[in-house]
Amino acid sequence: MPHYFFDIQDDHHCAYDDIGFDCDDVEAVRCHALAALPTLARDAGPDGDRQVISVLVRDAEGGRILKASLTLTVEWDETAGSPPDDPSS
């Protein structure tokens, strides 16, 4: 069974997977990477109004085969007034 490594990257850090997982096929790799994103986003906490969290998958030879990303954004509606922490309000 092929072995894959799932590195985690956000706007400030990259955590390299040195253990990895065995996956039956590339669809299982895709599913595993996508399933990790919501948990990673929940654990990341707020960090500004835009954050990108990615899972970068490498095969056993170190070749990058997949990147799955989740982008979190906050956009204030101009009609709602100033954001709560805006010093000009």
N, C-alpha and C. Protein backbone atom coordinates (compact mmCIF):
# COMPACT_ATOMS: atom_id res chain seq x y z
N MET A 1 0.86 -1.18 0.00
CA MET A 1 0.00 0.00 0.00
C MET A 1 0.90 1.24 0.00
N PRO A 2 0.63 2.21 -0.87
CA PRO A 2 1.47 3.41 -0.95
C PRO A 2 1.42 4.24 0.33
N HIS A 3 2.54 4.88 0.63
CA HIS A 3 2.68 5.70 1.83
C HIS A 3 2.75 7.18 1.43
N TYR A 4 2.05 8.04 2.17
CA TYR A 4 1.99 9.47 1.87
C TYR A 4 2.22 10.28 3.13
N PHE A 5 2.75 11.48 2.94
CA PHE A 5 3.01 12.41 4.04
C PHE A 5 2.16 13.65 3.86
N PHE A 6 1.55 14.11 4.94
CA PHE A 6 0.59 15.21 4.91
C PHE A 6 1.15 16.38 5.72
N ASP A 7 1.80 17.31 5.03
CA ASP A 7 2.37 18.49 5.68
C ASP A 7 1.28 19.55 5.84
N ILE A 8 1.35 20.29 6.94
CA ILE A 8 0.36 21.32 7.24
C ILE A 8 1.03 22.68 7.13
N GLN A 9 0.36 23.60 6.45
CA GLN A 9 0.92 24.93 6.26
C GLN A 9 -0.16 25.98 6.46
N ASP A 10 0.20 27.06 7.16
CA ASP A 10 -0.68 28.22 7.23
C ASP A 10 0.14 29.44 6.86
N ASP A 11 -0.37 30.62 7.14
CA ASP A 11 0.31 31.84 6.73
C ASP A 11 1.63 32.07 7.45
N HIS A 12 1.87 31.36 8.55
CA HIS A 12 3.06 31.62 9.36
C HIS A 12 3.95 30.41 9.60
N HIS A 13 3.43 29.21 9.46
CA HIS A 13 4.17 28.01 9.84
C HIS A 13 3.97 26.88 8.84
N CYS A 14 4.90 25.94 8.88
CA CYS A 14 4.75 24.70 8.12
C CYS A 14 5.18 23.55 9.04
N ALA A 15 4.32 22.57 9.20
CA ALA A 15 4.63 21.39 10.02
C ALA A 15 4.79 20.20 9.08
N TYR A 16 5.99 19.64 9.06
CA TYR A 16 6.27 18.53 8.17
C TYR A 16 5.91 17.21 8.83
N ASP A 17 5.19 16.40 8.09
CA ASP A 17 4.78 15.08 8.55
C ASP A 17 5.93 14.11 8.32
N ASP A 18 6.47 13.54 9.39
CA ASP A 18 7.55 12.57 9.22
C ASP A 18 7.09 11.14 9.52
N ILE A 19 5.77 10.99 9.73
CA ILE A 19 5.22 9.64 9.97
C ILE A 19 4.42 9.16 8.76
N GLY A 20 3.45 9.95 8.33
CA GLY A 20 2.67 9.62 7.14
C GLY A 20 1.59 8.61 7.38
N PHE A 21 0.89 8.28 6.29
CA PHE A 21 -0.23 7.33 6.31
C PHE A 21 -0.16 6.46 5.06
N ASP A 22 -0.62 5.24 5.20
CA ASP A 22 -0.82 4.38 4.04
C ASP A 22 -2.22 4.67 3.49
N CYS A 23 -2.31 4.82 2.19
CA CYS A 23 -3.60 5.07 1.53
C CYS A 23 -3.74 4.12 0.35
N ASP A 24 -4.94 3.61 0.16
CA ASP A 24 -5.20 2.66 -0.92
C ASP A 24 -4.94 3.25 -2.30
N ASP A 25 -5.35 4.52 -2.49
CA ASP A 25 -5.23 5.14 -3.80
C ASP A 25 -5.26 6.66 -3.65
N VAL A 26 -5.17 7.37 -4.77
CA VAL A 26 -5.12 8.84 -4.71
C VAL A 26 -6.45 9.44 -4.24
N GLU A 27 -7.55 8.75 -4.45
CA GLU A 27 -8.84 9.25 -3.94
C GLU A 27 -8.85 9.21 -2.41
N ALA A 28 -8.26 8.19 -1.82
CA ALA A 28 -8.14 8.13 -0.36
C ALA A 28 -7.23 9.24 0.15
N VAL A 29 -6.17 9.56 -0.58
CA VAL A 29 -5.28 10.67 -0.24
C VAL A 29 -6.08 11.97 -0.23
N ARG A 30 -6.84 12.19 -1.28
CA ARG A 30 -7.67 13.39 -1.41
C ARG A 30 -8.65 13.51 -0.24
N CYS A 31 -9.34 12.43 0.05
CA CYS A 31 -10.32 12.44 1.15
C CYS A 31 -9.67 12.72 2.49
N HIS A 32 -8.51 12.14 2.73
CA HIS A 32 -7.80 12.35 3.99
C HIS A 32 -7.37 13.82 4.13
N ALA A 33 -6.86 14.40 3.07
CA ALA A 33 -6.43 15.80 3.09
C ALA A 33 -7.62 16.73 3.33
N LEU A 34 -8.72 16.50 2.62
CA LEU A 34 -9.91 17.35 2.78
C LEU A 34 -10.53 17.20 4.16
N ALA A 35 -10.53 16.00 4.71
CA ALA A 35 -11.11 15.78 6.03
C ALA A 35 -10.32 16.49 7.12
N ALA A 36 -9.04 16.70 6.92
CA ALA A 36 -8.20 17.36 7.93
C ALA A 36 -8.45 18.87 8.00
N LEU A 37 -8.86 19.49 6.91
CA LEU A 37 -8.95 20.95 6.86
C LEU A 37 -9.90 21.58 7.89
N PRO A 38 -11.11 21.08 8.09
CA PRO A 38 -11.98 21.72 9.09
C PRO A 38 -11.40 21.68 10.51
N THR A 39 -10.77 20.58 10.88
CA THR A 39 -10.15 20.48 12.20
C THR A 39 -8.99 21.45 12.32
N LEU A 40 -8.17 21.54 11.29
CA LEU A 40 -7.05 22.48 11.29
C LEU A 40 -7.54 23.92 11.42
N ALA A 41 -8.61 24.25 10.70
CA ALA A 41 -9.16 25.61 10.77
C ALA A 41 -9.70 25.90 12.16
N ARG A 42 -10.36 24.96 12.76
CA ARG A 42 -10.92 25.13 14.10
C ARG A 42 -9.80 25.33 15.12
N ASP A 43 -8.72 24.59 14.99
CA ASP A 43 -7.59 24.68 15.93
C ASP A 43 -6.74 25.92 15.70
N ALA A 44 -6.79 26.48 14.52
CA ALA A 44 -5.92 27.63 14.19
C ALA A 44 -6.32 28.88 14.95
N GLY A 45 -7.59 29.08 15.19
CA GLY A 45 -8.04 30.28 15.88
C GLY A 45 -7.96 31.50 14.97
N PRO A 46 -8.53 32.60 15.42
CA PRO A 46 -8.54 33.80 14.58
C PRO A 46 -7.14 34.39 14.45
N ASP A 47 -6.82 34.79 13.26
CA ASP A 47 -5.52 35.40 12.98
C ASP A 47 -5.70 36.44 11.88
N GLY A 48 -6.38 37.51 12.21
CA GLY A 48 -6.65 38.53 11.21
C GLY A 48 -7.92 38.22 10.44
N ASP A 49 -8.11 38.93 9.35
CA ASP A 49 -9.33 38.77 8.57
C ASP A 49 -9.18 37.84 7.38
N ARG A 50 -7.99 37.28 7.17
CA ARG A 50 -7.80 36.32 6.08
C ARG A 50 -6.73 35.34 6.48
N GLN A 51 -7.03 34.07 6.33
CA GLN A 51 -6.07 33.03 6.65
C GLN A 51 -6.23 31.87 5.68
N VAL A 52 -5.12 31.35 5.20
CA VAL A 52 -5.13 30.19 4.31
C VAL A 52 -4.45 29.04 5.03
N ILE A 53 -5.14 27.91 5.09
CA ILE A 53 -4.60 26.69 5.70
C ILE A 53 -4.54 25.63 4.60
N SER A 54 -3.39 24.97 4.49
CA SER A 54 -3.21 24.00 3.42
C SER A 54 -2.67 22.67 3.95
N VAL A 55 -3.04 21.62 3.26
CA VAL A 55 -2.44 20.30 3.45
C VAL A 55 -1.70 19.99 2.16
N LEU A 56 -0.39 19.80 2.29
CA LEU A 56 0.45 19.48 1.14
C LEU A 56 0.83 18.01 1.25
N VAL A 57 0.50 17.22 0.25
CA VAL A 57 0.73 15.78 0.32
C VAL A 57 1.93 15.40 -0.55
N ARG A 58 2.84 14.62 0.07
CA ARG A 58 4.02 14.10 -0.63
C ARG A 58 3.93 12.58 -0.69
N ASP A 59 4.46 12.01 -1.76
CA ASP A 59 4.54 10.55 -1.84
C ASP A 59 5.80 10.07 -1.13
N ALA A 60 6.03 8.78 -1.10
CA ALA A 60 7.15 8.19 -0.37
C ALA A 60 8.51 8.67 -0.91
N GLU A 61 8.55 9.08 -2.16
CA GLU A 61 9.79 9.57 -2.75
C GLU A 61 9.99 11.07 -2.51
N GLY A 62 9.01 11.71 -1.88
CA GLY A 62 9.12 13.14 -1.58
C GLY A 62 8.50 14.05 -2.62
N GLY A 63 7.92 13.47 -3.67
CA GLY A 63 7.26 14.28 -4.70
C GLY A 63 5.92 14.81 -4.23
N ARG A 64 5.67 16.07 -4.48
CA ARG A 64 4.40 16.68 -4.09
C ARG A 64 3.32 16.24 -5.07
N ILE A 65 2.22 15.69 -4.54
CA ILE A 65 1.17 15.17 -5.43
C ILE A 65 -0.16 15.89 -5.29
N LEU A 66 -0.36 16.62 -4.17
CA LEU A 66 -1.66 17.24 -3.97
C LEU A 66 -1.53 18.39 -2.97
N LYS A 67 -2.31 19.43 -3.21
CA LYS A 67 -2.44 20.52 -2.24
C LYS A 67 -3.93 20.81 -2.09
N ALA A 68 -4.40 20.73 -0.84
CA ALA A 68 -5.79 21.07 -0.53
C ALA A 68 -5.75 22.27 0.42
N SER A 69 -6.52 23.31 0.13
CA SER A 69 -6.48 24.53 0.93
C SER A 69 -7.86 24.98 1.34
N LEU A 70 -7.89 25.68 2.46
CA LEU A 70 -9.11 26.29 2.96
C LEU A 70 -8.77 27.74 3.27
N THR A 71 -9.56 28.67 2.74
CA THR A 71 -9.34 30.09 2.99
C THR A 71 -10.46 30.61 3.87
N LEU A 72 -10.07 31.23 4.99
CA LEU A 72 -11.01 31.84 5.92
C LEU A 72 -10.93 33.34 5.75
N THR A 73 -12.05 33.98 5.52
CA THR A 73 -12.04 35.43 5.34
C THR A 73 -13.15 36.07 6.17
N VAL A 74 -12.87 37.30 6.58
CA VAL A 74 -13.85 38.13 7.26
C VAL A 74 -13.96 39.41 6.45
N GLU A 75 -15.15 39.76 6.06
CA GLU A 75 -15.39 40.99 5.31
C GLU A 75 -16.52 41.76 5.98
N TRP A 76 -16.23 42.98 6.36
CA TRP A 76 -17.25 43.83 6.96
C TRP A 76 -18.11 44.45 5.89
N ASP A 77 -19.40 44.45 6.09
CA ASP A 77 -20.32 45.11 5.18
C ASP A 77 -20.24 46.62 5.43
N GLU A 78 -19.98 47.36 4.39
CA GLU A 78 -19.81 48.81 4.52
C GLU A 78 -21.03 49.49 5.12
N THR A 79 -22.21 48.92 4.94
CA THR A 79 -23.41 49.54 5.47
C THR A 79 -23.60 49.28 6.96
N ALA A 80 -22.79 48.36 7.52
CA ALA A 80 -22.91 48.02 8.93
C ALA A 80 -22.13 48.98 9.83
N GLY A 81 -21.40 49.90 9.26
CA GLY A 81 -20.60 50.82 10.07
C GLY A 81 -19.20 50.27 10.28
N SER A 82 -18.50 50.83 11.24
CA SER A 82 -17.12 50.45 11.52
C SER A 82 -17.06 49.15 12.29
N PRO A 83 -15.99 48.35 12.07
CA PRO A 83 -15.80 47.15 12.87
C PRO A 83 -15.68 47.53 14.35
N PRO A 84 -16.03 46.62 15.26
CA PRO A 84 -16.04 46.93 16.69
C PRO A 84 -14.69 47.42 17.23
N ASP A 85 -13.56 46.95 16.70
CA ASP A 85 -12.26 47.36 17.22
C ASP A 85 -11.63 48.49 16.43
N ASP A 86 -12.39 49.14 15.56
CA ASP A 86 -11.89 50.24 14.75
C ASP A 86 -11.74 51.48 15.65
N PRO A 87 -10.50 52.00 15.82
CA PRO A 87 -10.29 53.14 16.71
C PRO A 87 -10.98 54.43 16.23
N SER A 88 -11.40 54.47 14.97
CA SER A 88 -12.06 55.69 14.49
C SER A 88 -13.54 55.74 14.82
N SER A 89 -14.07 54.68 15.43
CA SER A 89 -15.50 54.66 15.73
C SER A 89 -15.82 55.31 17.06
